[in-house]
Structure formats: C-alpha cells, structure tokens
PDB file of N, CA and C in Angstrom:
ATOM      1  N   MET A   1     -33.936  24.779 -17.956  1.00  0.00           N
ATOM      2  CA  MET A   1     -33.583  24.582 -17.451  1.00  0.00           C
ATOM      3  C   MET A   1     -33.723  22.800 -17.325  1.00  0.00           C
ATOM      4  N   PHE A   2     -35.740  23.370 -17.680  1.00  0.00           N
ATOM      5  CA  PHE A   2     -35.908  21.653 -17.690  1.00  0.00           C
ATOM      6  C   PHE A   2     -36.274  21.292 -19.133  1.00  0.00           C
ATOM      7  N   LEU A   3     -36.675  22.203 -20.032  1.00  0.00           N
ATOM      8  CA  LEU A   3     -37.019  21.877 -21.366  1.00  0.00           C
ATOM      9  C   LEU A   3     -35.507  22.042 -21.762  1.00  0.00           C
ATOM     10  N   GLN A   4     -35.400  20.746 -23.107  1.00  0.00           N
ATOM     11  CA  GLN A   4     -33.768  20.951 -24.391  1.00  0.00           C
ATOM     12  C   GLN A   4     -34.244  21.241 -24.978  1.00  0.00           C
ATOM     13  N   LEU A   5     -33.564  22.845 -24.981  1.00  0.00           N
ATOM     14  CA  LEU A   5     -33.953  23.493 -26.531  1.00  0.00           C
ATOM     15  C   LEU A   5     -32.538  24.573 -26.657  1.00  0.00           C
ATOM     16  N   ASN A   6     -32.682  24.544 -28.080  1.00  0.00           N
ATOM     17  CA  ASN A   6     -31.691  25.447 -28.909  1.00  0.00           C
ATOM     18  C   ASN A   6     -30.361  26.209 -28.182  1.00  0.00           C
ATOM     19  N   HIS A   7     -31.351  26.679 -27.898  1.00  0.00           N
ATOM     20  CA  HIS A   7     -30.797  28.323 -27.197  1.00  0.00           C
ATOM     21  C   HIS A   7     -29.160  27.916 -26.291  1.00  0.00           C
ATOM     22  N   GLN A   8     -30.134  26.550 -25.514  1.00  0.00           N
ATOM     23  CA  GLN A   8     -29.193  26.640 -24.258  1.00  0.00           C
ATOM     24  C   GLN A   8     -27.958  25.970 -24.898  1.00  0.00           C
ATOM     25  N   ASN A   9     -27.387  25.444 -26.050  1.00  0.00           N
ATOM     26  CA  ASN A   9     -26.606  25.554 -26.491  1.00  0.00           C
ATOM     27  C   ASN A   9     -25.685  26.139 -27.010  1.00  0.00           C
ATOM     28  N   LEU A  10     -26.152  28.102 -27.888  1.00  0.00           N
ATOM     29  CA  LEU A  10     -25.450  29.363 -28.195  1.00  0.00           C
ATOM     30  C   LEU A  10     -23.860  29.217 -26.915  1.00  0.00           C
ATOM     31  N   GLU A  11     -23.296  29.602 -27.554  1.00  0.00           N
ATOM     32  CA  GLU A  11     -22.206  30.711 -27.435  1.00  0.00           C
ATOM     33  C   GLU A  11     -22.367  32.342 -26.226  1.00  0.00           C
ATOM     34  N   VAL A  12     -23.739  32.862 -26.927  1.00  0.00           N
ATOM     35  CA  VAL A  12     -23.720  33.634 -26.256  1.00  0.00           C
ATOM     36  C   VAL A  12     -25.018  33.597 -25.167  1.00  0.00           C
ATOM     37  N   TYR A  13     -26.033  32.810 -25.291  1.00  0.00           N
ATOM     38  CA  TYR A  13     -26.438  32.241 -24.292  1.00  0.00           C
ATOM     39  C   TYR A  13     -26.078  31.980 -22.498  1.00  0.00           C
ATOM     40  N   LYS A  14     -24.989  31.417 -23.606  1.00  0.00           N
ATOM     41  CA  LYS A  14     -23.567  30.487 -21.956  1.00  0.00           C
ATOM     42  C   LYS A  14     -23.281  31.434 -20.849  1.00  0.00           C
ATOM     43  N   SER A  15     -22.905  32.631 -22.078  1.00  0.00           N
ATOM     44  CA  SER A  15     -21.837  33.252 -21.959  1.00  0.00           C
ATOM     45  C   SER A  15     -22.529  34.677 -20.756  1.00  0.00           C
ATOM     46  N   ALA A  16     -23.462  34.504 -21.972  1.00  0.00           N
ATOM     47  CA  ALA A  16     -24.783  35.627 -20.853  1.00  0.00           C
ATOM     48  C   ALA A  16     -25.127  35.308 -19.706  1.00  0.00           C
ATOM     49  N   ARG A  17     -25.100  34.090 -19.632  1.00  0.00           N
ATOM     50  CA  ARG A  17     -25.379  33.190 -17.951  1.00  0.00           C
ATOM     51  C   ARG A  17     -24.381  33.794 -17.040  1.00  0.00           C
ATOM     52  N   ALA A  18     -23.596  33.543 -17.569  1.00  0.00           N
ATOM     53  CA  ALA A  18     -21.861  33.927 -15.892  1.00  0.00           C
ATOM     54  C   ALA A  18     -21.733  34.893 -16.422  1.00  0.00           C
ATOM     55  N   LEU A  19     -22.240  36.328 -17.207  1.00  0.00           N
ATOM     56  CA  LEU A  19     -22.726  37.359 -17.429  1.00  0.00           C
ATOM     57  C   LEU A  19     -22.983  37.907 -16.205  1.00  0.00           C
ATOM     58  N   THR A  20     -24.648  37.371 -16.203  1.00  0.00           N
ATOM     59  CA  THR A  20     -25.241  37.389 -14.921  1.00  0.00           C
ATOM     60  C   THR A  20     -25.040  37.159 -13.716  1.00  0.00           C
ATOM     61  N   VAL A  21     -23.917  36.425 -13.708  1.00  0.00           N
ATOM     62  CA  VAL A  21     -23.680  34.716 -12.592  1.00  0.00           C
ATOM     63  C   VAL A  21     -23.000  36.863 -11.831  1.00  0.00           C
ATOM     64  N   GLU A  22     -21.767  36.445 -12.669  1.00  0.00           N
ATOM     65  CA  GLU A  22     -20.291  37.828 -12.643  1.00  0.00           C
ATOM     66  C   GLU A  22     -21.790  39.344 -11.651  1.00  0.00           C
ATOM     67  N   CYS A  23     -22.226  40.348 -12.878  1.00  0.00           N
ATOM     68  CA  CYS A  23     -23.039  40.753 -12.293  1.00  0.00           C
ATOM     69  C   CYS A  23     -23.287  40.310 -10.984  1.00  0.00           C
ATOM     70  N   TYR A  24     -24.079  39.395 -10.553  1.00  0.00           N
ATOM     71  CA  TYR A  24     -24.614  39.237  -9.052  1.00  0.00           C
ATOM     72  C   TYR A  24     -23.750  38.934  -8.324  1.00  0.00           C
ATOM     73  N   LYS A  25     -22.236  38.733  -8.281  1.00  0.00           N
ATOM     74  CA  LYS A  25     -21.433  38.941  -7.071  1.00  0.00           C
ATOM     75  C   LYS A  25     -21.284  40.105  -7.268  1.00  0.00           C
ATOM     76  N   LEU A  26     -20.789  40.841  -8.024  1.00  0.00           N
ATOM     77  CA  LEU A  26     -20.522  41.903  -8.384  1.00  0.00           C
ATOM     78  C   LEU A  26     -21.157  43.376  -6.888  1.00  0.00           C
ATOM     79  N   SER A  27     -22.352  42.767  -7.474  1.00  0.00           N
ATOM     80  CA  SER A  27     -23.084  43.332  -7.001  1.00  0.00           C
ATOM     81  C   SER A  27     -23.637  44.168  -5.203  1.00  0.00           C
ATOM     82  N   ASN A  28     -22.933  41.940  -4.717  1.00  0.00           N
ATOM     83  CA  ASN A  28     -22.674  41.817  -3.707  1.00  0.00           C
ATOM     84  C   ASN A  28     -21.693  42.509  -1.832  1.00  0.00           C
ATOM     85  N   LYS A  29     -20.748  43.236  -3.135  1.00  0.00           N
ATOM     86  CA  LYS A  29     -20.202  44.254  -3.050  1.00  0.00           C
ATOM     87  C   LYS A  29     -20.544  46.104  -2.842  1.00  0.00           C
ATOM     88  N   PHE A  30     -21.792  45.751  -3.520  1.00  0.00           N
ATOM     89  CA  PHE A  30     -22.572  47.508  -3.481  1.00  0.00           C
ATOM     90  C   PHE A  30     -22.902  47.868  -2.032  1.00  0.00           C
ATOM     91  N   PRO A  31     -22.551  49.340  -2.114  1.00  0.00           N
ATOM     92  CA  PRO A  31     -23.210  48.903   0.048  1.00  0.00           C
ATOM     93  C   PRO A  31     -24.191  49.024   0.431  1.00  0.00           C
ATOM     94  N   ALA A  32     -25.130  49.078   1.561  1.00  0.00           N
ATOM     95  CA  ALA A  32     -26.503  47.932   1.368  1.00  0.00           C
ATOM     96  C   ALA A  32     -28.055  49.248   1.020  1.00  0.00           C
ATOM     97  N   GLU A  33     -27.566  50.750   1.473  1.00  0.00           N
ATOM     98  CA  GLU A  33     -28.493  51.768   1.219  1.00  0.00           C
ATOM     99  C   GLU A  33     -28.850  51.427  -0.623  1.00  0.00           C
ATOM    100  N   GLU A  34     -28.221  50.794  -1.676  1.00  0.00           N
ATOM    101  CA  GLU A  34     -27.948  49.875  -2.840  1.00  0.00           C
ATOM    102  C   GLU A  34     -28.942  49.319  -3.308  1.00  0.00           C
ATOM    103  N   ARG A  35     -29.569  48.672  -2.037  1.00  0.00           N
ATOM    104  CA  ARG A  35     -30.053  47.322  -1.895  1.00  0.00           C
ATOM    105  C   ARG A  35     -31.193  47.657  -2.930  1.00  0.00           C
ATOM    106  N   PHE A  36     -32.481  49.048  -3.412  1.00  0.00           N
ATOM    107  CA  PHE A  36     -32.999  48.562  -3.532  1.00  0.00           C
ATOM    108  C   PHE A  36     -33.385  49.664  -4.787  1.00  0.00           C
ATOM    109  N   ASN A  37     -32.199  50.205  -5.572  1.00  0.00           N
ATOM    110  CA  ASN A  37     -31.884  51.204  -6.599  1.00  0.00           C
ATOM    111  C   ASN A  37     -30.438  50.345  -7.412  1.00  0.00           C
ATOM    112  N   MET A  38     -29.960  50.635  -7.455  1.00  0.00           N
ATOM    113  CA  MET A  38     -28.695  50.294  -8.380  1.00  0.00           C
ATOM    114  C   MET A  38     -27.897  48.370  -8.760  1.00  0.00           C
ATOM    115  N   ILE A  39     -28.718  48.211  -7.752  1.00  0.00           N
ATOM    116  CA  ILE A  39     -28.251  46.351  -7.113  1.00  0.00           C
ATOM    117  C   ILE A  39     -29.025  46.257  -7.611  1.00  0.00           C
ATOM    118  N   GLN A  40     -30.585  46.222  -8.448  1.00  0.00           N
ATOM    119  CA  GLN A  40     -31.955  45.586  -8.418  1.00  0.00           C
ATOM    120  C   GLN A  40     -31.600  46.399  -9.554  1.00  0.00           C
ATOM    121  N   GLN A  41     -31.246  47.336 -10.563  1.00  0.00           N
ATOM    122  CA  GLN A  41     -31.548  47.418 -11.901  1.00  0.00           C
ATOM    123  C   GLN A  41     -30.123  46.540 -12.821  1.00  0.00           C
ATOM    124  N   ILE A  42     -29.001  47.010 -12.152  1.00  0.00           N
ATOM    125  CA  ILE A  42     -28.461  46.162 -12.823  1.00  0.00           C
ATOM    126  C   ILE A  42     -28.656  44.280 -12.227  1.00  0.00           C
ATOM    127  N   ARG A  43     -29.219  43.986 -11.857  1.00  0.00           N
ATOM    128  CA  ARG A  43     -29.562  42.904 -11.233  1.00  0.00           C
ATOM    129  C   ARG A  43     -30.317  42.125 -13.008  1.00  0.00           C
ATOM    130  N   ARG A  44     -31.451  43.137 -12.574  1.00  0.00           N
ATOM    131  CA  ARG A  44     -32.471  43.326 -13.546  1.00  0.00           C
ATOM    132  C   ARG A  44     -31.742  43.525 -14.835  1.00  0.00           C
ATOM    133  N   ALA A  45     -31.007  44.175 -15.760  1.00  0.00           N
ATOM    134  CA  ALA A  45     -30.610  44.021 -17.358  1.00  0.00           C
ATOM    135  C   ALA A  45     -29.908  42.962 -16.495  1.00  0.00           C
ATOM    136  N   SER A  46     -29.242  42.821 -16.181  1.00  0.00           N
ATOM    137  CA  SER A  46     -28.313  41.288 -15.955  1.00  0.00           C
ATOM    138  C   SER A  46     -28.964  40.186 -16.669  1.00  0.00           C
ATOM    139  N   LEU A  47     -30.301  39.798 -16.170  1.00  0.00           N
ATOM    140  CA  LEU A  47     -30.899  39.222 -16.412  1.00  0.00           C
ATOM    141  C   LEU A  47     -32.021  39.193 -17.398  1.00  0.00           C
ATOM    142  N   SER A  48     -32.136  40.420 -18.023  1.00  0.00           N
ATOM    143  CA  SER A  48     -32.672  41.044 -18.900  1.00  0.00           C
ATOM    144  C   SER A  48     -31.515  40.537 -20.420  1.00  0.00           C
ATOM    145  N   VAL A  49     -31.054  40.192 -20.389  1.00  0.00           N
ATOM    146  CA  VAL A  49     -29.784  39.730 -21.343  1.00  0.00           C
ATOM    147  C   VAL A  49     -29.326  38.369 -21.511  1.00  0.00           C
ATOM    148  N   VAL A  50     -30.072  37.229 -20.118  1.00  0.00           N
ATOM    149  CA  VAL A  50     -30.394  35.824 -20.635  1.00  0.00           C
ATOM    150  C   VAL A  50     -31.276  35.765 -21.156  1.00  0.00           C
ATOM    151  N   LEU A  51     -32.985  36.528 -20.630  1.00  0.00           N
ATOM    152  CA  LEU A  51     -34.599  36.388 -20.470  1.00  0.00           C
ATOM    153  C   LEU A  51     -34.675  36.687 -22.595  1.00  0.00           C
ATOM    154  N   ASN A  52     -33.968  37.137 -22.670  1.00  0.00           N
ATOM    155  CA  ASN A  52     -34.394  38.206 -25.046  1.00  0.00           C
ATOM    156  C   ASN A  52     -33.367  37.019 -24.915  1.00  0.00           C
ATOM    157  N   ILE A  53     -32.569  36.737 -24.693  1.00  0.00           N
ATOM    158  CA  ILE A  53     -31.908  35.641 -25.477  1.00  0.00           C
ATOM    159  C   ILE A  53     -32.430  34.502 -26.198  1.00  0.00           C
ATOM    160  N   ALA A  54     -32.624  33.569 -25.282  1.00  0.00           N
ATOM    161  CA  ALA A  54     -33.467  32.348 -24.725  1.00  0.00           C
ATOM    162  C   ALA A  54     -34.883  32.679 -25.422  1.00  0.00           C
ATOM    163  N   GLU A  55     -35.673  33.747 -25.289  1.00  0.00           N
ATOM    164  CA  GLU A  55     -36.926  34.794 -25.724  1.00  0.00           C
ATOM    165  C   GLU A  55     -36.660  34.236 -27.348  1.00  0.00           C
ATOM    166  N   GLY A  56     -36.408  34.857 -27.551  1.00  0.00           N
ATOM    167  CA  GLY A  56     -35.323  35.731 -29.179  1.00  0.00           C
ATOM    168  C   GLY A  56     -35.177  33.889 -30.251  1.00  0.00           C
ATOM    169  N   CYS A  57     -35.041  34.150 -29.471  1.00  0.00           N
ATOM    170  CA  CYS A  57     -34.835  31.916 -29.682  1.00  0.00           C
ATOM    171  C   CYS A  57     -35.674  31.412 -30.024  1.00  0.00           C
ATOM    172  N   SER A  58     -36.984  31.160 -29.578  1.00  0.00           N
ATOM    173  CA  SER A  58     -38.070  30.649 -29.580  1.00  0.00           C
ATOM    174  C   SER A  58     -38.409  31.851 -31.071  1.00  0.00           C
ATOM    175  N   ARG A  59     -38.293  32.217 -31.314  1.00  0.00           N
ATOM    176  CA  ARG A  59     -39.781  32.839 -32.379  1.00  0.00           C
ATOM    177  C   ARG A  59     -38.994  32.848 -33.084  1.00  0.00           C
ATOM    178  N   LYS A  60     -40.345  32.610 -34.342  1.00  0.00           N
ATOM    179  CA  LYS A  60     -39.927  31.623 -35.570  1.00  0.00           C
ATOM    180  C   LYS A  60     -39.652  33.370 -36.969  1.00  0.00           C
ATOM    181  N   SER A  61     -40.359  34.396 -36.571  1.00  0.00           N
ATOM    182  CA  SER A  61     -39.696  35.196 -36.858  1.00  0.00           C
ATOM    183  C   SER A  61     -38.641  36.504 -37.109  1.00  0.00           C
ATOM    184  N   GLU A  62     -37.746  36.675 -38.232  1.00  0.00           N
ATOM    185  CA  GLU A  62     -36.396  36.804 -38.167  1.00  0.00           C
ATOM    186  C   GLU A  62     -35.902  38.526 -37.136  1.00  0.00           C
ATOM    187  N   ILE A  63     -37.341  38.828 -37.791  1.00  0.00           N
ATOM    188  CA  ILE A  63     -37.686  40.226 -37.114  1.00  0.00           C
ATOM    189  C   ILE A  63     -37.934  41.134 -35.926  1.00  0.00           C
ATOM    190  N   GLU A  64     -38.472  39.582 -35.285  1.00  0.00           N
ATOM    191  CA  GLU A  64     -39.389  39.516 -34.014  1.00  0.00           C
ATOM    192  C   GLU A  64     -38.056  39.191 -33.741  1.00  0.00           C
ATOM    193  N   ARG A  65     -36.894  37.533 -33.205  1.00  0.00           N
ATOM    194  CA  ARG A  65     -35.415  37.720 -33.446  1.00  0.00           C
ATOM    195  C   ARG A  65     -35.195  38.655 -32.797  1.00  0.00           C
ATOM    196  N   LYS A  66     -34.209  38.944 -33.855  1.00  0.00           N
ATOM    197  CA  LYS A  66     -34.238  41.376 -33.948  1.00  0.00           C
ATOM    198  C   LYS A  66     -34.605  41.418 -33.427  1.00  0.00           C
ATOM    199  N   ARG A  67     -35.257  41.813 -32.299  1.00  0.00           N
ATOM    200  CA  ARG A  67     -35.557  42.725 -31.487  1.00  0.00           C
ATOM    201  C   ARG A  67     -35.477  41.811 -29.904  1.00  0.00           C
ATOM    202  N   PHE A  68     -35.384  41.600 -30.700  1.00  0.00           N
ATOM    203  CA  PHE A  68     -35.332  40.115 -28.467  1.00  0.00           C
ATOM    204  C   PHE A  68     -33.953  41.166 -28.460  1.00  0.00           C
ATOM    205  N   PHE A  69     -32.898  40.421 -30.050  1.00  0.00           N
ATOM    206  CA  PHE A  69     -31.363  40.443 -29.532  1.00  0.00           C
ATOM    207  C   PHE A  69     -30.833  41.260 -29.156  1.00  0.00           C
ATOM    208  N   GLU A  70     -31.652  42.952 -29.909  1.00  0.00           N
ATOM    209  CA  GLU A  70     -32.031  44.148 -29.352  1.00  0.00           C
ATOM    210  C   GLU A  70     -32.020  44.976 -28.471  1.00  0.00           C
ATOM    211  N   ILE A  71     -33.437  44.189 -27.844  1.00  0.00           N
ATOM    212  CA  ILE A  71     -33.102  44.601 -25.711  1.00  0.00           C
ATOM    213  C   ILE A  71     -32.210  44.180 -25.376  1.00  0.00           C
ATOM    214  N   SER A  72     -31.428  42.847 -25.499  1.00  0.00           N
ATOM    215  CA  SER A  72     -30.816  41.903 -24.970  1.00  0.00           C
ATOM    216  C   SER A  72     -29.664  42.836 -24.822  1.00  0.00           C
ATOM    217  N   ARG A  73     -28.490  43.362 -26.265  1.00  0.00           N
ATOM    218  CA  ARG A  73     -27.547  44.048 -25.850  1.00  0.00           C
ATOM    219  C   ARG A  73     -28.183  46.132 -25.435  1.00  0.00           C
ATOM    220  N   GLY A  74     -29.434  45.919 -25.381  1.00  0.00           N
ATOM    221  CA  GLY A  74     -30.320  47.179 -24.772  1.00  0.00           C
ATOM    222  C   GLY A  74     -29.091  47.152 -23.240  1.00  0.00           C
ATOM    223  N   SER A  75     -29.578  45.989 -22.522  1.00  0.00           N
ATOM    224  CA  SER A  75     -30.306  45.599 -21.806  1.00  0.00           C
ATOM    225  C   SER A  75     -28.346  45.589 -21.573  1.00  0.00           C
ATOM    226  N   LEU A  76     -28.090  45.157 -21.792  1.00  0.00           N
ATOM    227  CA  LEU A  76     -25.855  45.490 -21.979  1.00  0.00           C
ATOM    228  C   LEU A  76     -24.822  46.622 -21.929  1.00  0.00           C
ATOM    229  N   ILE A  77     -25.601  46.999 -22.840  1.00  0.00           N
ATOM    230  CA  ILE A  77     -25.599  48.937 -22.686  1.00  0.00           C
ATOM    231  C   ILE A  77     -25.943  49.307 -21.011  1.00  0.00           C
ATOM    232  N   GLU A  78     -26.750  48.996 -20.849  1.00  0.00           N
ATOM    233  CA  GLU A  78     -27.366  49.672 -18.970  1.00  0.00           C
ATOM    234  C   GLU A  78     -26.682  49.188 -18.049  1.00  0.00           C
ATOM    235  N   ILE A  79     -26.206  47.636 -18.028  1.00  0.00           N
ATOM    236  CA  ILE A  79     -25.758  47.467 -16.868  1.00  0.00           C
ATOM    237  C   ILE A  79     -24.291  48.517 -17.723  1.00  0.00           C
ATOM    238  N   ASP A  80     -23.682  48.121 -18.182  1.00  0.00           N
ATOM    239  CA  ASP A  80     -22.089  49.019 -18.274  1.00  0.00           C
ATOM    240  C   ASP A  80     -22.431  50.679 -17.537  1.00  0.00           C
ATOM    241  N   ALA A  81     -23.118  51.240 -18.559  1.00  0.00           N
ATOM    242  CA  ALA A  81     -23.818  52.237 -17.762  1.00  0.00           C
ATOM    243  C   ALA A  81     -23.900  52.363 -16.298  1.00  0.00           C
ATOM    244  N   ALA A  82     -23.698  51.438 -15.935  1.00  0.00           N
ATOM    245  CA  ALA A  82     -24.791  51.522 -13.884  1.00  0.00           C
ATOM    246  C   ALA A  82     -23.085  50.700 -13.879  1.00  0.00           C
ATOM    247  N   LEU A  83     -22.568  50.353 -14.506  1.00  0.00           N
ATOM    248  CA  LEU A  83     -21.025  50.165 -13.344  1.00  0.00           C
ATOM    249  C   LEU A  83     -20.215  51.270 -13.639  1.00  0.00           C
ATOM    250  N   ASP A  84     -20.450  51.994 -14.726  1.00  0.00           N
ATOM    251  CA  ASP A  84     -19.272  53.410 -14.492  1.00  0.00           C
ATOM    252  C   ASP A  84     -19.854  54.160 -13.434  1.00  0.00           C
ATOM    253  N   THR A  85     -20.871  54.227 -13.330  1.00  0.00           N
ATOM    254  CA  THR A  85     -21.225  55.109 -12.013  1.00  0.00           C
ATOM    255  C   THR A  85     -21.182  54.588 -10.712  1.00  0.00           C
ATOM    256  N   ALA A  86     -21.029  52.992 -10.274  1.00  0.00           N
ATOM    257  CA  ALA A  86     -20.632  52.499  -9.603  1.00  0.00           C
ATOM    258  C   ALA A  86     -19.494  52.243  -9.083  1.00  0.00           C
ATOM    259  N   SER A  87     -18.581  52.776 -10.410  1.00  0.00           N
ATOM    260  CA  SER A  87     -16.709  52.532 -10.402  1.00  0.00           C
ATOM    261  C   SER A  87     -16.786  53.517  -9.787  1.00  0.00           C
ATOM    262  N   GLU A  88     -17.561  55.322 -10.709  1.00  0.00           N
ATOM    263  CA  GLU A  88     -16.557  56.430 -10.355  1.00  0.00           C
ATOM    264  C   GLU A  88     -16.949  56.989  -8.677  1.00  0.00           C
ATOM    265  N   LEU A  89     -18.281  56.275  -7.957  1.00  0.00           N
ATOM    266  CA  LEU A  89     -18.500  55.797  -6.494  1.00  0.00           C
ATOM    267  C   LEU A  89     -17.711  55.278  -6.054  1.00  0.00           C
ATOM    268  N   GLY A  90     -16.976  54.277  -5.970  1.00  0.00           N
ATOM    269  CA  GLY A  90     -15.551  53.677  -4.982  1.00  0.00           C
ATOM    270  C   GLY A  90     -16.308  52.254  -4.988  1.00  0.00           C
ATOM    271  N   TYR A  91     -17.304  52.001  -5.784  1.00  0.00           N
ATOM    272  CA  TYR A  91     -18.081  50.466  -5.031  1.00  0.00           C
ATOM    273  C   TYR A  91     -17.536  49.411  -5.355  1.00  0.00           C
ATOM    274  N   PHE A  92     -16.434  49.665  -6.674  1.00  0.00           N
ATOM    275  CA  PHE A  92     -16.008  48.015  -6.750  1.00  0.00           C
ATOM    276  C   PHE A  92     -14.200  48.844  -7.494  1.00  0.00           C
ATOM    277  N   ASP A  93     -13.253  48.190  -7.086  1.00  0.00           N
ATOM    278  CA  ASP A  93     -12.494  48.742  -8.069  1.00  0.00           C
ATOM    279  C   ASP A  93     -12.305  47.747  -9.725  1.00  0.00           C
ATOM    280  N   ALA A  94     -12.460  49.289 -10.631  1.00  0.00           N
ATOM    281  CA  ALA A  94     -12.349  48.227 -11.938  1.00  0.00           C
ATOM    282  C   ALA A  94     -11.724  47.155 -12.768  1.00  0.00           C
ATOM    283  N   LYS A  95      -9.787  47.412 -11.806  1.00  0.00           N
ATOM    284  CA  LYS A  95      -9.073  46.314 -12.023  1.00  0.00           C
ATOM    285  C   LYS A  95      -9.620  44.959 -11.783  1.00  0.00           C
ATOM    286  N   ASN A  96     -10.339  44.785 -10.293  1.00  0.00           N
ATOM    287  CA  ASN A  96     -10.906  43.780 -10.050  1.00  0.00           C
ATOM    288  C   ASN A  96     -11.759  42.676 -10.875  1.00  0.00           C
ATOM    289  N   CYS A  97     -12.188  43.839 -12.187  1.00  0.00           N
ATOM    290  CA  CYS A  97     -12.990  42.492 -12.617  1.00  0.00           C
ATOM    291  C   CYS A  97     -13.402  42.759 -13.934  1.00  0.00           C
ATOM    292  N   GLU A  98     -12.449  41.610 -13.365  1.00  0.00           N
ATOM    293  CA  GLU A  98     -11.280  41.284 -15.725  1.00  0.00           C
ATOM    294  C   GLU A  98     -12.556  40.109 -16.473  1.00  0.00           C
ATOM    295  N   VAL A  99     -13.103  39.531 -15.704  1.00  0.00           N
ATOM    296  CA  VAL A  99     -13.846  38.801 -15.962  1.00  0.00           C
ATOM    297  C   VAL A  99     -15.722  39.070 -16.580  1.00  0.00           C
ATOM    298  N   LEU A 100     -16.512  40.104 -16.056  1.00  0.00           N
ATOM    299  CA  LEU A 100     -16.612  40.466 -16.034  1.00  0.00           C
ATOM    300  C   LEU A 100     -16.290  41.636 -17.031  1.00  0.00           C
ATOM    301  N   GLY A 101     -15.430  41.928 -17.238  1.00  0.00           N
ATOM    302  CA  GLY A 101     -15.771  42.982 -18.364  1.00  0.00           C
ATOM    303  C   GLY A 101     -15.106  42.715 -19.635  1.00  0.00           C
ATOM    304  N   GLU A 102     -14.688  41.157 -19.704  1.00  0.00           N
ATOM    305  CA  GLU A 102     -14.199  40.576 -20.965  1.00  0.00           C
ATOM    306  C   GLU A 102     -15.674  39.453 -21.451  1.00  0.00           C
ATOM    307  N   LEU A 103     -16.759  39.255 -20.861  1.00  0.00           N
ATOM    308  CA  LEU A 103     -17.570  38.075 -20.252  1.00  0.00           C
ATOM    309  C   LEU A 103     -18.818  40.092 -21.518  1.00  0.00           C
ATOM    310  N   MET A 104     -18.608  40.902 -20.417  1.00  0.00           N
ATOM    311  CA  MET A 104     -19.729  41.990 -21.744  1.00  0.00           C
ATOM    312  C   MET A 104     -19.159  42.443 -23.279  1.00  0.00           C
ATOM    313  N   ASN A 105     -17.926  42.472 -23.450  1.00  0.00           N
ATOM    314  CA  ASN A 105     -17.269  42.078 -24.453  1.00  0.00           C
ATOM    315  C   ASN A 105     -17.718  40.742 -25.008  1.00  0.00           C
ATOM    316  N   LYS A 106     -17.208  40.377 -24.813  1.00  0.00           N
ATOM    317  CA  LYS A 106     -17.966  39.135 -25.484  1.00  0.00           C
ATOM    318  C   LYS A 106     -19.463  38.733 -25.834  1.00  0.00           C
ATOM    319  N   VAL A 107     -20.486  39.654 -25.300  1.00  0.00           N
ATOM    320  CA  VAL A 107     -21.746  39.087 -25.310  1.00  0.00           C
ATOM    321  C   VAL A 107     -21.791  39.989 -26.652  1.00  0.00           C
ATOM    322  N   PHE A 108     -21.300  41.361 -26.130  1.00  0.00           N
ATOM    323  CA  PHE A 108     -21.525  42.550 -26.948  1.00  0.00           C
ATOM    324  C   PHE A 108     -21.806  42.429 -28.369  1.00  0.00           C
ATOM    325  N   GLY A 109     -20.338  41.309 -28.792  1.00  0.00           N
ATOM    326  CA  GLY A 109     -19.573  41.650 -29.547  1.00  0.00           C
ATOM    327  C   GLY A 109     -20.371  40.426 -29.878  1.00  0.00           C
ATOM    328  N   MET A 110     -21.381  39.497 -29.794  1.00  0.00           N
ATOM    329  CA  MET A 110     -22.131  38.288 -30.275  1.00  0.00           C
ATOM    330  C   MET A 110     -23.014  38.342 -30.882  1.00  0.00           C
ATOM    331  N   LEU A 111     -23.973  39.992 -29.758  1.00  0.00           N
ATOM    332  CA  LEU A 111     -25.299  40.003 -30.478  1.00  0.00           C
ATOM    333  C   LEU A 111     -24.877  40.921 -31.622  1.00  0.00           C
ATOM    334  N   SER A 112     -24.366  41.327 -31.513  1.00  0.00           N
ATOM    335  CA  SER A 112     -23.676  42.697 -32.069  1.00  0.00           C
ATOM    336  C   SER A 112     -23.656  41.740 -34.343  1.00  0.00           C
ATOM    337  N   LYS A 113     -23.307  41.396 -33.638  1.00  0.00           N
ATOM    338  CA  LYS A 113     -23.328  40.324 -34.639  1.00  0.00           C
ATOM    339  C   LYS A 113     -24.153  39.004 -35.376  1.00  0.00           C
ATOM    340  N   MET A 114     -24.877  38.879 -34.105  1.00  0.00           N
ATOM    341  CA  MET A 114     -26.508  38.037 -34.822  1.00  0.00           C
ATOM    342  C   MET A 114     -27.057  39.253 -35.384  1.00  0.00           C
ATOM    343  N   LEU A 115     -27.318  40.996 -34.869  1.00  0.00           N
ATOM    344  CA  LEU A 115     -27.639  41.717 -35.476  1.00  0.00           C
ATOM    345  C   LEU A 115     -27.521  41.739 -37.049  1.00  0.00           C
ATOM    346  N   ARG A 116     -26.237  41.843 -37.481  1.00  0.00           N
ATOM    347  CA  ARG A 116     -25.727  42.293 -38.686  1.00  0.00           C
ATOM    348  C   ARG A 116     -25.439  40.742 -39.156  1.00  0.00           C
ATOM    349  N   THR A 117     -26.564  39.130 -38.797  1.00  0.00           N
ATOM    350  CA  THR A 117     -26.578  39.023 -39.755  1.00  0.00           C
ATOM    351  C   THR A 117     -27.978  38.175 -40.039  1.00  0.00           C
ATOM    352  N   GLN A 118     -28.110  38.393 -38.546  1.00  0.00           N
ATOM    353  CA  GLN A 118     -30.157  38.595 -38.136  1.00  0.00           C
ATOM    354  C   GLN A 118     -30.059  37.242 -38.181  1.00  0.00           C
ATOM    355  N   VAL A 119     -29.898  36.782 -37.554  1.00  0.00           N
ATOM    356  CA  VAL A 119     -29.380  35.124 -38.256  1.00  0.00           C
ATOM    357  C   VAL A 119     -29.244  34.737 -36.422  1.00  0.00           C
ATOM    358  N   GLY A 120     -30.541  34.037 -36.069  1.00  0.00           N
ATOM    359  CA  GLY A 120     -30.538  33.593 -34.130  1.00  0.00           C
ATOM    360  C   GLY A 120     -30.232  32.338 -33.901  1.00  0.00           C
ATOM    361  N   HIS A 121     -30.343  31.403 -34.129  1.00  0.00           N
ATOM    362  CA  HIS A 121     -30.059  29.594 -34.110  1.00  0.00           C
ATOM    363  C   HIS A 121     -28.429  29.272 -35.112  1.00  0.00           C
TER     364      HIS A 121
END
C-alpha cells in the first residue's frame, strides 16, 4: 500500500488479493457460531496466500522464494478444503461462487507455474 514494490504489479498478487476479498464476503454468510472457527480459519488462510506471495517476492534466494510460494499454495488448498466442508454443511451454495472458484483456480495455476519455473519476479 505505502511501499511501491514489484510484487504489487504481479497478476498472481492481484488475483490473490481479489480472492481474499471474495473469501471474506463468502464467510460473512456463514452462521455466527462459526465466527471463531471456520470463518477465522478461511480468512487467515486467504490472507496467508497474499502475504506469502508478497514476502516471497522480496526474497533474494530462489530457494526462499519457492518456500514462500509453497506456503501460499498450501494455504489455498486449505481454503478449498474448508469450503468443501462449509458447502456440505449448507453454509453457502457452491453454484453462487463462480468468481471465487475462478480465482482459486487461477491463483493455484499461477503459483504452480512459479514453483515449476522457480521464478519469483
């Protein structure tokens, strides 16, 4: 926001930020009793995706960058698993989450490509 860094221009970072916003919007529809459980977990994991992309891009070492991108992708998988459970519990209708699904697949694909090529910039 205040620092003008290269990661802010990356499509993977922009898409991950949009994904976080969609996760927050969707989790607002969950029952109140999930406030300190599933809602918090999904939100933390979505922030982890964005934050690990940003931090990974700041690392000089290719090995370090890759590790942060792996953590980011792992958090994305965590969100997917939590949303599977939330959908089965009837907290939301998966058909109404096209944007979220597209963003998840897009970010997952970009992170996977970054890990394969080990390019962080």
